N, C-alpha and C. Protein backbone atom coordinates (compact mmCIF):
# COMPACT_ATOMS: atom_id res chain seq x y z
N MET A 1 1.18 -1.14 -16.35
CA MET A 1 0.37 -2.35 -16.04
C MET A 1 -0.36 -2.10 -14.55
N GLN A 2 -1.56 -2.40 -14.41
CA GLN A 2 -2.12 -2.27 -13.17
C GLN A 2 -2.84 -3.69 -12.84
N VAL A 3 -2.74 -3.92 -11.45
CA VAL A 3 -3.26 -5.16 -10.95
C VAL A 3 -4.28 -4.81 -9.74
N GLN A 4 -5.51 -5.23 -9.97
CA GLN A 4 -6.55 -4.82 -8.96
C GLN A 4 -7.02 -6.04 -8.32
N HIS A 5 -7.37 -5.71 -7.02
CA HIS A 5 -7.76 -6.97 -6.13
C HIS A 5 -8.98 -6.32 -5.27
N SER A 6 -9.96 -7.02 -4.77
CA SER A 6 -10.97 -6.78 -3.93
C SER A 6 -10.41 -7.42 -2.64
N LEU A 7 -11.06 -7.07 -1.39
CA LEU A 7 -10.69 -7.66 -0.15
C LEU A 7 -10.97 -9.09 -0.08
N LYS A 8 -12.05 -9.60 -0.94
CA LYS A 8 -12.44 -10.96 -1.04
C LYS A 8 -11.11 -11.89 -1.61
N GLN A 9 -10.42 -11.25 -2.65
CA GLN A 9 -9.27 -11.93 -2.97
C GLN A 9 -7.86 -11.75 -2.05
N TRP A 10 -8.03 -11.98 -0.76
CA TRP A 10 -6.99 -11.47 0.13
C TRP A 10 -5.66 -12.20 0.02
N ASN A 11 -5.52 -13.48 -0.28
CA ASN A 11 -4.30 -14.07 -0.65
C ASN A 11 -3.72 -13.49 -1.86
N ASP A 12 -4.43 -13.28 -2.92
CA ASP A 12 -3.78 -12.62 -4.00
C ASP A 12 -3.34 -11.20 -3.76
N LEU A 13 -4.22 -10.35 -2.94
CA LEU A 13 -3.96 -9.08 -2.69
C LEU A 13 -2.66 -8.96 -1.74
N ALA A 14 -2.46 -9.88 -0.76
CA ALA A 14 -1.08 -10.17 -0.15
C ALA A 14 0.02 -10.35 -0.92
N ALA A 15 -0.17 -11.21 -1.78
CA ALA A 15 0.99 -11.59 -2.71
C ALA A 15 1.47 -10.42 -3.57
N THR A 16 0.44 -9.76 -4.18
CA THR A 16 0.82 -8.65 -4.92
C THR A 16 1.51 -7.32 -4.11
N PHE A 17 0.89 -7.34 -2.77
CA PHE A 17 1.48 -6.18 -1.83
C PHE A 17 3.01 -6.69 -1.62
N GLN A 18 3.12 -7.74 -1.53
CA GLN A 18 4.53 -8.16 -0.89
C GLN A 18 5.46 -7.87 -2.24
N ALA A 19 5.05 -8.27 -3.37
CA ALA A 19 5.82 -8.05 -4.45
C ALA A 19 6.13 -6.72 -5.00
N PHE A 20 5.09 -5.97 -4.76
CA PHE A 20 5.01 -4.50 -5.14
C PHE A 20 6.10 -3.66 -4.21
N PHE A 21 5.90 -4.00 -2.80
CA PHE A 21 6.71 -3.17 -1.66
C PHE A 21 7.97 -3.75 -1.39
N SER A 22 8.37 -5.05 -1.58
CA SER A 22 9.45 -5.67 -0.94
C SER A 22 10.80 -4.86 -1.31
N THR A 23 10.89 -4.29 -2.51
CA THR A 23 12.07 -3.71 -3.00
C THR A 23 12.45 -2.32 -2.05
N TYR A 24 11.46 -1.76 -1.51
CA TYR A 24 11.39 -0.47 -0.90
C TYR A 24 11.51 -0.28 0.60
N GLY A 25 11.45 -1.43 1.20
CA GLY A 25 11.58 -1.47 2.81
C GLY A 25 11.21 -2.79 3.15
N THR A 26 10.66 -2.79 4.37
CA THR A 26 10.43 -4.24 5.17
C THR A 26 8.78 -4.25 4.89
N THR A 27 8.51 -5.44 4.65
CA THR A 27 7.02 -5.76 4.44
C THR A 27 6.73 -6.85 5.49
N THR A 28 5.64 -6.91 5.96
CA THR A 28 5.02 -8.11 6.69
C THR A 28 3.60 -8.37 6.14
N SER A 29 3.40 -9.54 6.20
CA SER A 29 1.88 -10.01 5.84
C SER A 29 1.53 -11.22 6.67
N SER A 30 0.03 -11.18 6.87
CA SER A 30 -0.52 -12.26 7.74
C SER A 30 -1.85 -12.39 7.21
N ASP A 31 -2.54 -13.37 7.94
CA ASP A 31 -4.11 -13.64 7.38
C ASP A 31 -4.92 -12.46 7.55
N GLU A 32 -4.45 -11.46 8.47
CA GLU A 32 -5.22 -10.17 8.83
C GLU A 32 -4.69 -8.97 8.27
N SER A 33 -3.32 -8.82 7.91
CA SER A 33 -2.80 -7.44 7.31
C SER A 33 -1.63 -7.59 6.53
N CYS A 34 -1.44 -6.60 5.78
CA CYS A 34 -0.14 -6.39 5.19
C CYS A 34 0.37 -5.14 5.35
N THR A 35 1.79 -4.82 5.75
CA THR A 35 2.29 -3.63 6.16
C THR A 35 3.69 -3.63 5.35
N PHE A 36 3.78 -2.16 5.11
CA PHE A 36 5.15 -1.72 4.49
C PHE A 36 5.73 -0.66 5.16
N VAL A 37 6.97 -0.69 5.69
CA VAL A 37 7.59 0.33 6.41
C VAL A 37 8.92 0.65 5.63
N ALA A 38 9.23 1.90 5.15
CA ALA A 38 10.37 2.27 4.69
C ALA A 38 11.63 2.43 5.48
N ASP A 39 12.84 2.39 5.27
CA ASP A 39 13.99 2.74 6.10
C ASP A 39 13.70 4.35 6.29
N PRO A 40 13.66 4.56 7.67
CA PRO A 40 13.40 6.14 8.08
C PRO A 40 14.75 6.85 7.62
N MET A 41 15.84 6.12 7.27
CA MET A 41 17.13 7.06 6.95
C MET A 41 16.75 7.44 5.62
N LYS A 42 15.99 6.81 4.85
CA LYS A 42 15.62 7.36 3.49
C LYS A 42 14.62 8.14 3.44
N VAL A 43 13.30 7.77 4.07
CA VAL A 43 12.23 8.51 4.18
C VAL A 43 11.07 7.89 5.13
N GLU A 44 10.46 8.67 5.98
CA GLU A 44 9.57 8.11 6.86
C GLU A 44 8.19 7.91 6.34
N THR A 45 7.76 6.82 6.12
CA THR A 45 6.66 6.34 5.34
C THR A 45 6.24 4.97 5.59
N ALA A 46 4.78 4.72 5.59
CA ALA A 46 4.22 3.35 5.86
C ALA A 46 2.97 3.31 5.10
N PHE A 47 2.73 2.10 4.87
CA PHE A 47 1.45 1.79 4.27
C PHE A 47 0.83 0.47 4.77
N SER A 48 -0.24 0.36 5.15
CA SER A 48 -0.94 -1.08 5.60
C SER A 48 -2.40 -1.07 5.23
N ILE A 49 -2.61 -2.40 4.94
CA ILE A 49 -4.02 -2.70 4.65
C ILE A 49 -4.49 -4.01 5.42
N HIS A 50 -5.60 -3.85 6.05
CA HIS A 50 -6.06 -4.78 6.81
C HIS A 50 -7.27 -5.65 6.08
N ARG A 51 -7.35 -7.05 6.52
CA ARG A 51 -8.35 -7.62 5.67
C ARG A 51 -9.90 -7.20 6.08
N ASP A 52 -10.01 -6.54 6.96
CA ASP A 52 -11.50 -5.98 7.41
C ASP A 52 -11.76 -4.73 6.65
N GLY A 53 -10.76 -4.29 5.77
CA GLY A 53 -10.98 -3.00 5.04
C GLY A 53 -10.35 -1.83 5.34
N ARG A 54 -9.84 -1.73 6.70
CA ARG A 54 -9.10 -0.58 6.99
C ARG A 54 -7.70 -0.46 6.38
N PHE A 55 -7.34 0.60 5.99
CA PHE A 55 -5.93 0.90 5.57
C PHE A 55 -5.54 2.13 6.11
N SER A 56 -4.11 2.48 6.08
CA SER A 56 -3.46 3.55 6.59
C SER A 56 -2.26 3.78 5.79
N ALA A 57 -1.99 5.06 5.66
CA ALA A 57 -0.85 5.43 4.86
C ALA A 57 -0.35 6.60 5.63
N SER A 58 1.15 6.78 5.88
CA SER A 58 1.58 7.81 6.44
C SER A 58 3.03 8.48 5.69
N MET A 59 3.18 9.56 5.69
CA MET A 59 4.35 10.24 4.96
C MET A 59 4.56 11.51 5.69
N PRO A 60 5.82 12.23 5.57
CA PRO A 60 5.76 13.39 6.13
C PRO A 60 4.68 14.44 5.59
N LEU A 61 4.07 15.20 6.38
CA LEU A 61 3.06 16.17 6.05
C LEU A 61 1.78 15.60 5.80
N HIS A 62 1.51 14.23 5.94
CA HIS A 62 0.18 13.72 5.81
C HIS A 62 -0.03 12.36 6.15
N GLU A 63 -1.30 11.98 6.71
CA GLU A 63 -1.61 10.61 7.07
C GLU A 63 -3.04 10.42 6.69
N VAL A 64 -3.44 9.08 6.47
CA VAL A 64 -4.79 8.83 6.12
C VAL A 64 -5.18 7.49 6.92
N ASP A 65 -6.43 7.34 7.32
CA ASP A 65 -6.79 6.16 7.68
C ASP A 65 -8.36 5.97 7.40
N ALA A 66 -8.61 5.11 6.52
CA ALA A 66 -9.94 4.82 5.99
C ALA A 66 -10.21 3.40 5.72
N ARG A 67 -11.28 3.05 5.16
CA ARG A 67 -11.67 1.79 4.68
C ARG A 67 -11.72 1.62 3.21
N VAL A 68 -11.21 0.50 2.89
CA VAL A 68 -10.92 0.27 1.44
C VAL A 68 -11.92 -1.12 0.95
N GLU A 69 -12.27 -0.98 -0.25
CA GLU A 69 -13.04 -2.24 -0.93
C GLU A 69 -12.17 -2.73 -1.96
N ASP A 70 -11.43 -1.91 -2.69
CA ASP A 70 -10.66 -2.40 -3.97
C ASP A 70 -9.40 -1.92 -3.93
N VAL A 71 -8.40 -2.44 -4.26
CA VAL A 71 -6.77 -2.03 -4.27
C VAL A 71 -6.39 -2.24 -5.70
N ILE A 72 -5.81 -1.27 -6.26
CA ILE A 72 -5.18 -1.11 -7.62
C ILE A 72 -3.75 -0.88 -7.44
N PHE A 73 -2.87 -1.80 -7.62
CA PHE A 73 -1.36 -1.35 -7.75
C PHE A 73 -1.01 -1.09 -9.19
N GLY A 74 -0.59 0.19 -9.36
CA GLY A 74 0.08 0.64 -10.57
C GLY A 74 1.59 0.47 -10.54
N MET A 75 1.75 -0.65 -11.26
CA MET A 75 3.19 -1.16 -11.18
C MET A 75 4.18 -0.30 -11.91
N GLU A 76 3.85 0.24 -13.17
CA GLU A 76 4.79 1.30 -13.56
C GLU A 76 4.86 2.69 -12.89
N GLU A 77 3.67 3.08 -12.32
CA GLU A 77 3.50 4.27 -11.86
C GLU A 77 4.01 4.50 -10.22
N LYS A 78 4.15 3.18 -9.72
CA LYS A 78 4.57 2.89 -8.24
C LYS A 78 3.46 3.61 -7.61
N THR A 79 2.25 3.31 -7.58
CA THR A 79 1.14 3.86 -6.96
C THR A 79 0.17 2.56 -6.30
N VAL A 80 -0.27 2.88 -5.40
CA VAL A 80 -1.39 1.92 -4.79
C VAL A 80 -2.67 2.93 -4.65
N GLN A 81 -3.87 2.63 -5.33
CA GLN A 81 -4.92 3.34 -5.34
C GLN A 81 -5.86 2.56 -4.58
N CYS A 82 -6.43 3.12 -3.45
CA CYS A 82 -7.55 2.62 -2.69
C CYS A 82 -8.94 3.08 -2.80
N LYS A 83 -9.85 2.21 -3.02
CA LYS A 83 -11.23 2.81 -3.45
C LYS A 83 -12.15 2.07 -2.45
N GLY A 84 -13.14 3.18 -1.82
CA GLY A 84 -14.13 2.71 -1.13
C GLY A 84 -15.25 3.70 -0.94
N VAL A 85 -16.16 3.42 -0.15
CA VAL A 85 -17.18 4.38 0.06
C VAL A 85 -16.77 5.73 0.47
N PHE A 86 -15.65 5.94 0.90
CA PHE A 86 -14.92 7.20 1.37
C PHE A 86 -14.55 7.94 0.01
N GLY A 87 -14.38 7.33 -1.04
CA GLY A 87 -13.85 7.95 -2.33
C GLY A 87 -12.44 7.27 -2.61
N GLU A 88 -11.68 7.84 -3.14
CA GLU A 88 -10.34 7.35 -3.53
C GLU A 88 -9.06 7.86 -2.87
N TYR A 89 -8.05 7.12 -2.59
CA TYR A 89 -6.86 7.73 -2.09
C TYR A 89 -5.67 6.93 -2.90
N THR A 90 -4.64 7.72 -3.27
CA THR A 90 -3.52 7.27 -4.04
C THR A 90 -2.40 7.39 -3.07
N TYR A 91 -1.74 6.27 -2.88
CA TYR A 91 -0.24 6.19 -2.21
C TYR A 91 0.80 6.21 -3.31
N ARG A 92 1.77 7.13 -3.25
CA ARG A 92 2.77 6.93 -4.24
C ARG A 92 4.23 6.68 -3.55
N ILE A 93 4.93 5.69 -4.06
CA ILE A 93 6.32 5.37 -3.62
C ILE A 93 7.05 6.67 -3.65
N PRO A 94 7.59 7.15 -2.51
CA PRO A 94 8.34 8.38 -2.64
C PRO A 94 9.66 8.33 -3.43
N GLN A 95 9.91 9.35 -4.07
CA GLN A 95 11.01 9.46 -4.95
C GLN A 95 12.38 9.06 -4.26
N GLN A 96 12.45 9.39 -2.89
CA GLN A 96 13.74 8.93 -2.24
C GLN A 96 14.04 7.32 -2.13
N LEU A 97 12.89 6.79 -2.42
CA LEU A 97 13.07 5.19 -2.41
C LEU A 97 13.09 4.66 -3.94
N LEU A 98 12.78 5.48 -4.86
CA LEU A 98 12.80 5.03 -6.24
C LEU A 98 14.30 5.27 -6.73
N GLY A 99 15.16 6.26 -6.09
CA GLY A 99 16.28 6.49 -6.57
C GLY A 99 16.30 7.64 -7.58
N ALA A 100 15.21 8.37 -7.73
CA ALA A 100 15.22 9.43 -8.72
C ALA A 100 15.69 10.61 -8.14
């Protein structure tokens, strides 16, 4: 199942973000941004989306910072796909957090 939101659907996007990431680490959300940070003892990773379209993701060996228009949460795949004028970026929940 996939759940897609545009930035215009900020409240729905924030609720889905919270539900999607809350099992895997610490999440915070406000009227301006949503942030996920994993327990660094498991894996150092973070993902955030800002209401103005900025998003950032970091994991060992890579980092991205761009602007998004649409966000697609892949519930079974444990992915977040960001689409914008830059192209597409897919963030995957690391295996260390999935217990596999």
